[in-house]
Amino acid sequence: MSASSSGGGDAFVLVTGNDDKWREAQRILGRPLAREKLDLPEIQAATTAEVALQKARAAYEQLRRPVIVEDAGVELRALGGFPGPFIKYWETLGGLESICRAVDGSGDRAVVAVCVLGVCTAAGSYVVEGRTEGTLADRPRGTNGFGWDAIFVPAGDTRTFGEMSGEEKDRVSHRRRAWEQLARKIGATA
């Protein structure tokens, strides 16, 4: 994937104000990735893919160059896939502990972490998605990572993303899977 740290050319630019997402994407790719911070509309939609696609289109309209926008979500099976793209609002308003409590008594702590990359170029727009299955921790654990990393336990492990090093998380993360999908789609390796 062609990416530069300058503002011109045909290179993709990641549009995000989230330093952690940008650093993690660069770590996954193993190279620098251009970034722009834009004030994009915060649309409300039922799926993470819809949010990422609309944000990518809005970013392209502002920059008029190939853009990538990321949106992530958490789908709790016991809650029918909720909160999905609304996870950041729940985290902000109720805290991570409240998310852990939401499925107490259901007998089902299954969760899927979803990362969607919305891409928009002059040729059109599309999304790619990475998913990682896991379980919701009984309480927040760990101080690494960001967002809801302290409550997501990937399948096959007993630690939350928040208890893993960045490199350990990258090996199994939804974000890695999304970036790998994108690299395959545009004919490059991540």
Protein backbone atom coordinates (compact mmCIF):
# COMPACT_ATOMS: atom_id res chain seq x y z
CA MET A 1 0.00 0.00 0.00
CA SER A 2 1.43 3.32 -0.99
CA ALA A 3 1.52 5.79 1.86
CA SER A 4 3.53 8.91 2.37
CA SER A 5 3.88 11.40 5.17
CA SER A 6 3.39 14.31 2.81
CA GLY A 7 0.09 15.70 1.70
CA GLY A 8 0.13 15.05 -2.05
CA GLY A 9 0.17 12.31 -4.62
CA ASP A 10 -1.91 9.19 -4.98
CA ALA A 11 -0.92 7.76 -1.62
CA PHE A 12 -3.62 6.83 0.86
CA VAL A 13 -3.97 8.89 3.99
CA LEU A 14 -5.46 7.61 7.23
CA VAL A 15 -7.98 10.12 8.51
CA THR A 16 -8.12 9.94 12.29
CA GLY A 17 -7.69 12.13 15.31
CA ASN A 18 -6.92 9.05 17.40
CA ASP A 19 -3.15 8.83 17.94
CA ASP A 20 -3.45 5.25 19.23
CA LYS A 21 -5.21 4.00 16.08
CA TRP A 22 -2.63 5.71 13.88
CA ARG A 23 0.33 4.29 15.83
CA GLU A 24 -1.21 0.81 15.83
CA ALA A 25 -1.83 0.92 12.07
CA GLN A 26 1.78 1.92 11.45
CA ARG A 27 3.02 -0.85 13.75
CA ILE A 28 0.88 -3.41 11.90
CA LEU A 29 2.02 -2.16 8.49
CA GLY A 30 5.64 -1.87 9.59
CA ARG A 31 6.04 1.52 7.92
CA PRO A 32 4.92 5.14 8.17
CA LEU A 33 1.37 6.01 7.18
CA ALA A 34 0.26 9.51 6.28
CA ARG A 35 -2.39 10.93 8.56
CA GLU A 36 -4.82 13.82 8.53
CA LYS A 37 -7.04 15.02 11.35
CA LEU A 38 -10.38 16.24 10.07
CA ASP A 39 -13.61 17.27 11.71
CA LEU A 40 -15.94 14.65 10.21
CA PRO A 41 -19.64 14.28 10.90
CA GLU A 42 -20.27 11.66 13.61
CA ILE A 43 -23.01 9.72 11.88
CA GLN A 44 -25.22 7.26 13.71
CA ALA A 45 -25.80 3.95 11.95
CA ALA A 46 -26.67 0.40 12.92
CA THR A 47 -23.40 -1.08 11.65
CA THR A 48 -19.74 -0.21 11.95
CA ALA A 49 -19.42 -0.62 8.17
CA GLU A 50 -22.04 2.07 7.49
CA VAL A 51 -20.24 4.50 9.81
CA ALA A 52 -16.82 3.87 8.23
CA LEU A 53 -18.14 4.17 4.67
CA GLN A 54 -19.93 7.48 5.28
CA LYS A 55 -16.92 8.92 7.11
CA ALA A 56 -14.59 7.86 4.26
CA ARG A 57 -16.82 9.61 1.73
CA ALA A 58 -16.92 12.77 3.84
CA ALA A 59 -13.13 12.70 4.28
CA TYR A 60 -12.60 12.30 0.54
CA GLU A 61 -14.89 15.26 -0.14
CA GLN A 62 -12.69 17.42 2.09
CA LEU A 63 -9.26 16.19 0.96
CA ARG A 64 -9.87 15.10 -2.64
CA ARG A 65 -7.28 12.33 -2.30
CA PRO A 66 -7.46 8.59 -1.47
CA VAL A 67 -8.48 8.17 2.17
CA ILE A 68 -8.87 5.42 4.73
CA VAL A 69 -11.10 5.90 7.76
CA GLU A 70 -11.35 3.37 10.57
CA ASP A 71 -14.27 2.62 12.80
CA ALA A 72 -14.32 -0.14 15.40
CA GLY A 73 -17.08 -1.81 17.34
CA VAL A 74 -17.86 -4.53 19.84
CA GLU A 75 -20.69 -6.99 19.26
CA LEU A 76 -21.98 -8.77 22.37
CA ARG A 77 -23.83 -11.94 21.40
CA ALA A 78 -26.03 -11.84 24.53
CA LEU A 79 -27.24 -8.40 23.44
CA GLY A 80 -27.91 -9.30 19.81
CA GLY A 81 -24.75 -7.58 18.53
CA PHE A 82 -25.22 -4.39 20.55
CA PRO A 83 -23.44 -2.01 21.10
CA GLY A 84 -21.59 -2.37 17.76
CA PRO A 85 -20.53 1.10 16.59
CA PHE A 86 -21.98 2.69 19.74
CA ILE A 87 -19.29 1.19 22.02
CA LYS A 88 -17.39 4.47 22.43
CA TYR A 89 -20.52 6.19 23.75
CA TRP A 90 -21.20 3.39 26.22
CA GLU A 91 -17.57 3.45 27.34
CA THR A 92 -17.67 7.22 27.82
CA LEU A 93 -21.03 7.36 29.58
CA GLY A 94 -21.02 4.15 31.62
CA GLY A 95 -17.39 3.05 31.76
CA LEU A 96 -15.84 -0.31 30.97
CA GLU A 97 -17.12 -1.91 34.18
CA SER A 98 -20.72 -1.29 33.11
CA ILE A 99 -20.11 -3.10 29.83
CA CYS A 100 -18.80 -6.11 31.76
CA ARG A 101 -21.90 -6.07 34.00
CA ALA A 102 -24.31 -5.90 31.04
CA VAL A 103 -24.11 -9.63 30.31
CA ASP A 104 -23.88 -10.89 33.89
CA GLY A 105 -26.48 -13.59 34.39
CA SER A 106 -26.93 -14.22 30.66
CA GLY A 107 -24.50 -17.14 30.61
CA ASP A 108 -23.08 -15.76 27.37
CA ARG A 109 -19.96 -13.60 27.40
CA ALA A 110 -19.17 -14.12 23.69
CA VAL A 111 -18.05 -10.98 21.91
CA VAL A 112 -16.66 -10.03 18.52
CA ALA A 113 -14.27 -7.12 18.02
CA VAL A 114 -14.84 -5.49 14.64
CA CYS A 115 -12.59 -3.10 12.75
CA VAL A 116 -13.86 -1.62 9.50
CA LEU A 117 -11.70 0.41 7.15
CA GLY A 118 -13.69 2.71 4.90
CA VAL A 119 -11.82 3.56 1.71
CA CYS A 120 -12.69 6.28 -0.75
CA THR A 121 -10.85 7.23 -3.94
CA ALA A 122 -11.85 8.98 -7.15
CA ALA A 123 -12.93 5.55 -8.44
CA GLY A 124 -15.40 4.93 -5.62
CA SER A 125 -15.73 3.74 -2.05
CA TYR A 126 -15.83 0.42 -0.20
CA VAL A 127 -15.13 -1.16 3.16
CA VAL A 128 -13.01 -4.04 4.40
CA GLU A 129 -13.57 -5.68 7.75
CA GLY A 130 -11.52 -7.53 10.31
CA ARG A 131 -13.18 -9.56 13.08
CA THR A 132 -11.74 -11.24 16.16
CA GLU A 133 -13.88 -13.48 18.34
CA GLY A 134 -13.42 -13.59 22.08
CA THR A 135 -15.09 -13.21 25.44
CA LEU A 136 -15.99 -10.24 27.55
CA ALA A 137 -13.84 -10.10 30.70
CA ASP A 138 -15.61 -10.18 34.06
CA ARG A 139 -13.92 -6.86 34.91
CA PRO A 140 -11.45 -4.47 33.23
CA ARG A 141 -7.89 -5.83 33.35
CA GLY A 142 -4.64 -4.34 32.09
CA THR A 143 -3.41 -0.88 31.25
CA ASN A 144 -1.99 -1.39 27.75
CA GLY A 145 -3.78 -0.37 24.60
CA PHE A 146 -6.76 1.96 24.49
CA GLY A 147 -10.52 2.10 24.36
CA TRP A 148 -12.06 -1.20 25.40
CA ASP A 149 -8.83 -3.26 25.22
CA ALA A 150 -9.04 -3.93 28.98
CA ILE A 151 -12.29 -5.93 28.62
CA PHE A 152 -11.73 -7.95 25.42
CA VAL A 153 -10.20 -11.44 25.76
CA PRO A 154 -9.37 -12.87 22.32
CA ALA A 155 -10.27 -16.53 21.68
CA GLY A 156 -7.47 -18.86 22.69
CA ASP A 157 -6.07 -16.55 25.39
CA THR A 158 -6.91 -15.72 28.98
CA ARG A 159 -5.56 -12.17 28.87
CA THR A 160 -7.33 -9.05 27.71
CA PHE A 161 -5.82 -6.94 24.95
CA GLY A 162 -5.04 -4.52 27.79
CA GLU A 163 -2.80 -7.15 29.41
CA MET A 164 -0.89 -7.85 26.17
CA SER A 165 1.98 -6.01 24.58
CA GLY A 166 1.15 -4.17 21.39
CA GLU A 167 2.90 -6.81 19.32
CA GLU A 168 0.96 -9.63 21.03
CA LYS A 169 -2.32 -7.83 20.39
CA ASP A 170 -1.37 -7.17 16.77
CA ARG A 171 -0.97 -10.89 16.05
CA VAL A 172 -4.67 -11.59 16.68
CA SER A 173 -6.43 -8.23 16.53
CA HIS A 174 -9.42 -7.19 14.49
CA ARG A 175 -7.38 -4.19 13.34
CA ARG A 176 -4.60 -6.38 11.91
CA ARG A 177 -7.15 -8.48 10.05
CA ALA A 178 -8.76 -5.38 8.53
CA TRP A 179 -5.42 -3.95 7.38
CA GLU A 180 -4.44 -7.33 5.90
CA GLN A 181 -7.76 -7.46 4.03
CA LEU A 182 -7.13 -3.98 2.66
CA ALA A 183 -3.59 -4.85 1.61
CA ARG A 184 -4.89 -7.89 -0.32
CA LYS A 185 -7.64 -5.84 -1.94
CA ILE A 186 -5.29 -3.18 -3.26
CA GLY A 187 -2.57 -5.65 -4.22
CA ALA A 188 0.08 -4.97 -1.60
CA THR A 189 1.32 -6.81 1.46
CA ALA A 190 0.93 -5.57 5.00
